[in-house]
Amino acid sequence: MYGGKYLVGMRWVVSAEPGMLEPLRAKLGGTVRELRGIGPTANSS
């Protein structure tokens, strides 16, 4: 749940299509980060 790539700043997070993150980073700053989701996985019993 909530995994994927995000643009992360000191006090904000932007969720967008991966191809949009670099152009947004050029305007807003921040760091593109890949976050892993939490919760059950396909391998969970």
PDB file of N, CA and C in Angstrom:
ATOM      1  N   MET A   1       0.841  -1.172   0.000  1.00  0.00           N
ATOM      2  CA  MET A   1       0.000   0.000   0.000  1.00  0.00           C
ATOM      3  C   MET A   1       0.890   1.240   0.000  1.00  0.00           C
ATOM      4  N   TYR A   2       0.643   2.185  -0.872  1.00  0.00           N
ATOM      5  CA  TYR A   2       1.347   3.457  -0.975  1.00  0.00           C
ATOM      6  C   TYR A   2       2.806   3.318  -1.396  1.00  0.00           C
ATOM      7  N   GLY A   3       3.148   2.294  -2.100  1.00  0.00           N
ATOM      8  CA  GLY A   3       4.489   2.187  -2.657  1.00  0.00           C
ATOM      9  C   GLY A   3       4.571   3.002  -3.940  1.00  0.00           C
ATOM     10  N   GLY A   4       5.752   3.147  -4.474  1.00  0.00           N
ATOM     11  CA  GLY A   4       5.937   3.857  -5.732  1.00  0.00           C
ATOM     12  C   GLY A   4       6.955   4.969  -5.600  1.00  0.00           C
ATOM     13  N   LYS A   5       7.047   5.782  -6.635  1.00  0.00           N
ATOM     14  CA  LYS A   5       7.999   6.895  -6.637  1.00  0.00           C
ATOM     15  C   LYS A   5       7.280   8.182  -6.286  1.00  0.00           C
ATOM     16  N   TYR A   6       7.958   8.995  -5.469  1.00  0.00           N
ATOM     17  CA  TYR A   6       7.412  10.259  -4.997  1.00  0.00           C
ATOM     18  C   TYR A   6       8.510  11.307  -5.023  1.00  0.00           C
ATOM     19  N   LEU A   7       8.107  12.555  -5.138  1.00  0.00           N
ATOM     20  CA  LEU A   7       9.014  13.689  -4.987  1.00  0.00           C
ATOM     21  C   LEU A   7       8.839  14.185  -3.565  1.00  0.00           C
ATOM     22  N   VAL A   8       9.933  14.184  -2.800  1.00  0.00           N
ATOM     23  CA  VAL A   8       9.855  14.448  -1.367  1.00  0.00           C
ATOM     24  C   VAL A   8      10.687  15.676  -1.015  1.00  0.00           C
ATOM     25  N   GLY A   9      10.046  16.620  -0.319  1.00  0.00           N
ATOM     26  CA  GLY A   9      10.723  17.796   0.199  1.00  0.00           C
ATOM     27  C   GLY A   9      10.778  17.740   1.719  1.00  0.00           C
ATOM     28  N   MET A  10      11.235  18.813   2.325  1.00  0.00           N
ATOM     29  CA  MET A  10      11.342  18.853   3.792  1.00  0.00           C
ATOM     30  C   MET A  10       9.989  18.718   4.480  1.00  0.00           C
ATOM     31  N   ARG A  11       8.953  19.331   3.911  1.00  0.00           N
ATOM     32  CA  ARG A  11       7.633  19.311   4.548  1.00  0.00           C
ATOM     33  C   ARG A  11       6.516  18.979   3.573  1.00  0.00           C
ATOM     34  N   TRP A  12       6.834  18.331   2.467  1.00  0.00           N
ATOM     35  CA  TRP A  12       5.824  18.045   1.471  1.00  0.00           C
ATOM     36  C   TRP A  12       6.200  16.801   0.668  1.00  0.00           C
ATOM     37  N   VAL A  13       5.204  16.236   0.009  1.00  0.00           N
ATOM     38  CA  VAL A  13       5.374  15.074  -0.869  1.00  0.00           C
ATOM     39  C   VAL A  13       4.473  15.278  -2.076  1.00  0.00           C
ATOM     40  N   VAL A  14       4.993  14.972  -3.269  1.00  0.00           N
ATOM     41  CA  VAL A  14       4.198  15.042  -4.486  1.00  0.00           C
ATOM     42  C   VAL A  14       4.071  13.641  -5.051  1.00  0.00           C
ATOM     43  N   SER A  15       2.860  13.245  -5.336  1.00  0.00           N
ATOM     44  CA  SER A  15       2.585  11.970  -5.983  1.00  0.00           C
ATOM     45  C   SER A  15       2.178  12.273  -7.415  1.00  0.00           C
ATOM     46  N   ALA A  16       2.885  11.681  -8.388  1.00  0.00           N
ATOM     47  CA  ALA A  16       2.575  11.929  -9.799  1.00  0.00           C
ATOM     48  C   ALA A  16       3.090  10.741 -10.611  1.00  0.00           C
ATOM     49  N   GLU A  17       2.759  10.734 -11.895  1.00  0.00           N
ATOM     50  CA  GLU A  17       3.306   9.715 -12.785  1.00  0.00           C
ATOM     51  C   GLU A  17       4.835   9.824 -12.753  1.00  0.00           C
ATOM     52  N   PRO A  18       5.542   8.681 -12.772  1.00  0.00           N
ATOM     53  CA  PRO A  18       7.007   8.722 -12.668  1.00  0.00           C
ATOM     54  C   PRO A  18       7.679   9.660 -13.669  1.00  0.00           C
ATOM     55  N   GLY A  19       7.168   9.760 -14.887  1.00  0.00           N
ATOM     56  CA  GLY A  19       7.761  10.635 -15.893  1.00  0.00           C
ATOM     57  C   GLY A  19       7.617  12.121 -15.579  1.00  0.00           C
ATOM     58  N   MET A  20       6.717  12.471 -14.696  1.00  0.00           N
ATOM     59  CA  MET A  20       6.493  13.875 -14.329  1.00  0.00           C
ATOM     60  C   MET A  20       7.358  14.315 -13.156  1.00  0.00           C
ATOM     61  N   LEU A  21       7.943  13.387 -12.432  1.00  0.00           N
ATOM     62  CA  LEU A  21       8.657  13.740 -11.208  1.00  0.00           C
ATOM     63  C   LEU A  21       9.922  14.561 -11.459  1.00  0.00           C
ATOM     64  N   GLU A  22      10.690  14.216 -12.470  1.00  0.00           N
ATOM     65  CA  GLU A  22      11.923  14.979 -12.735  1.00  0.00           C
ATOM     66  C   GLU A  22      11.623  16.421 -13.162  1.00  0.00           C
ATOM     67  N   PRO A  23      10.665  16.654 -14.077  1.00  0.00           N
ATOM     68  CA  PRO A  23      10.333  18.057 -14.395  1.00  0.00           C
ATOM     69  C   PRO A  23       9.833  18.828 -13.171  1.00  0.00           C
ATOM     70  N   LEU A  24       9.058  18.183 -12.313  1.00  0.00           N
ATOM     71  CA  LEU A  24       8.594  18.843 -11.094  1.00  0.00           C
ATOM     72  C   LEU A  24       9.753  19.121 -10.142  1.00  0.00           C
ATOM     73  N   ARG A  25      10.703  18.187 -10.063  1.00  0.00           N
ATOM     74  CA  ARG A  25      11.865  18.376  -9.193  1.00  0.00           C
ATOM     75  C   ARG A  25      12.668  19.598  -9.632  1.00  0.00           C
ATOM     76  N   ALA A  26      12.762  19.810 -10.944  1.00  0.00           N
ATOM     77  CA  ALA A  26      13.490  20.975 -11.455  1.00  0.00           C
ATOM     78  C   ALA A  26      12.833  22.285 -10.987  1.00  0.00           C
ATOM     79  N   LYS A  27      11.506  22.285 -10.841  1.00  0.00           N
ATOM     80  CA  LYS A  27      10.796  23.492 -10.403  1.00  0.00           C
ATOM     81  C   LYS A  27      10.707  23.607  -8.890  1.00  0.00           C
ATOM     82  N   LEU A  28      10.480  22.482  -8.216  1.00  0.00           N
ATOM     83  CA  LEU A  28      10.191  22.508  -6.780  1.00  0.00           C
ATOM     84  C   LEU A  28      11.379  22.180  -5.886  1.00  0.00           C
ATOM     85  N   GLY A  29      12.364  21.473  -6.445  1.00  0.00           N
ATOM     86  CA  GLY A  29      13.434  20.941  -5.613  1.00  0.00           C
ATOM     87  C   GLY A  29      13.013  19.601  -5.050  1.00  0.00           C
ATOM     88  N   GLY A  30      13.647  19.174  -3.997  1.00  0.00           N
ATOM     89  CA  GLY A  30      13.302  17.894  -3.389  1.00  0.00           C
ATOM     90  C   GLY A  30      14.091  16.750  -3.984  1.00  0.00           C
ATOM     91  N   THR A  31      13.717  15.544  -3.598  1.00  0.00           N
ATOM     92  CA  THR A  31      14.396  14.326  -4.015  1.00  0.00           C
ATOM     93  C   THR A  31      13.365  13.314  -4.478  1.00  0.00           C
ATOM     94  N   VAL A  32      13.632  12.650  -5.594  1.00  0.00           N
ATOM     95  CA  VAL A  32      12.758  11.570  -6.036  1.00  0.00           C
ATOM     96  C   VAL A  32      13.150  10.323  -5.248  1.00  0.00           C
ATOM     97  N   ARG A  33      12.169   9.735  -4.578  1.00  0.00           N
ATOM     98  CA  ARG A  33      12.419   8.550  -3.758  1.00  0.00           C
ATOM     99  C   ARG A  33      11.439   7.457  -4.131  1.00  0.00           C
ATOM    100  N   GLU A  34      11.929   6.224  -4.097  1.00  0.00           N
ATOM    101  CA  GLU A  34      11.050   5.080  -4.305  1.00  0.00           C
ATOM    102  C   GLU A  34      10.731   4.495  -2.944  1.00  0.00           C
ATOM    103  N   LEU A  35       9.452   4.470  -2.626  1.00  0.00           N
ATOM    104  CA  LEU A  35       9.006   3.978  -1.331  1.00  0.00           C
ATOM    105  C   LEU A  35       8.349   2.616  -1.494  1.00  0.00           C
ATOM    106  N   ARG A  36       8.641   1.749  -0.564  1.00  0.00           N
ATOM    107  CA  ARG A  36       7.980   0.437  -0.564  1.00  0.00           C
ATOM    108  C   ARG A  36       6.699   0.539   0.237  1.00  0.00           C
ATOM    109  N   GLY A  37       5.689  -0.144  -0.208  1.00  0.00           N
ATOM    110  CA  GLY A  37       4.422  -0.140   0.491  1.00  0.00           C
ATOM    111  C   GLY A  37       4.484  -0.962   1.762  1.00  0.00           C
ATOM    112  N   ILE A  38       3.438  -0.851   2.558  1.00  0.00           N
ATOM    113  CA  ILE A  38       3.327  -1.638   3.777  1.00  0.00           C
ATOM    114  C   ILE A  38       2.074  -2.483   3.677  1.00  0.00           C
ATOM    115  N   GLY A  39       1.994  -3.497   4.492  1.00  0.00           N
ATOM    116  CA  GLY A  39       0.815  -4.323   4.513  1.00  0.00           C
ATOM    117  C   GLY A  39       1.086  -5.686   3.915  1.00  0.00           C
ATOM    118  N   PRO A  40       0.040  -6.469   3.694  1.00  0.00           N
ATOM    119  CA  PRO A  40       0.198  -7.827   3.168  1.00  0.00           C
ATOM    120  C   PRO A  40       0.805  -7.837   1.773  1.00  0.00           C
ATOM    121  N   THR A  41       1.582  -8.855   1.494  1.00  0.00           N
ATOM    122  CA  THR A  41       2.161  -9.029   0.161  1.00  0.00           C
ATOM    123  C   THR A  41       1.598 -10.295  -0.446  1.00  0.00           C
ATOM    124  N   ALA A  42       1.907 -10.537  -1.695  1.00  0.00           N
ATOM    125  CA  ALA A  42       1.434 -11.738  -2.373  1.00  0.00           C
ATOM    126  C   ALA A  42       1.970 -13.007  -1.726  1.00  0.00           C
ATOM    127  N   ASN A  43       3.124 -12.898  -1.063  1.00  0.00           N
ATOM    128  CA  ASN A  43       3.743 -14.060  -0.424  1.00  0.00           C
ATOM    129  C   ASN A  43       3.266 -14.279   1.008  1.00  0.00           C
ATOM    130  N   SER A  44       2.451 -13.362   1.539  1.00  0.00           N
ATOM    131  CA  SER A  44       1.983 -13.484   2.919  1.00  0.00           C
ATOM    132  C   SER A  44       0.965 -14.597   3.028  1.00  0.00           C
ATOM    133  N   SER A  45       0.947 -15.229   4.182  1.00  0.00           N
ATOM    134  CA  SER A  45      -0.058 -16.282   4.422  1.00  0.00           C
ATOM    135  C   SER A  45      -1.215 -15.739   5.194  1.00  0.00           C
TER     136      SER A  45
END
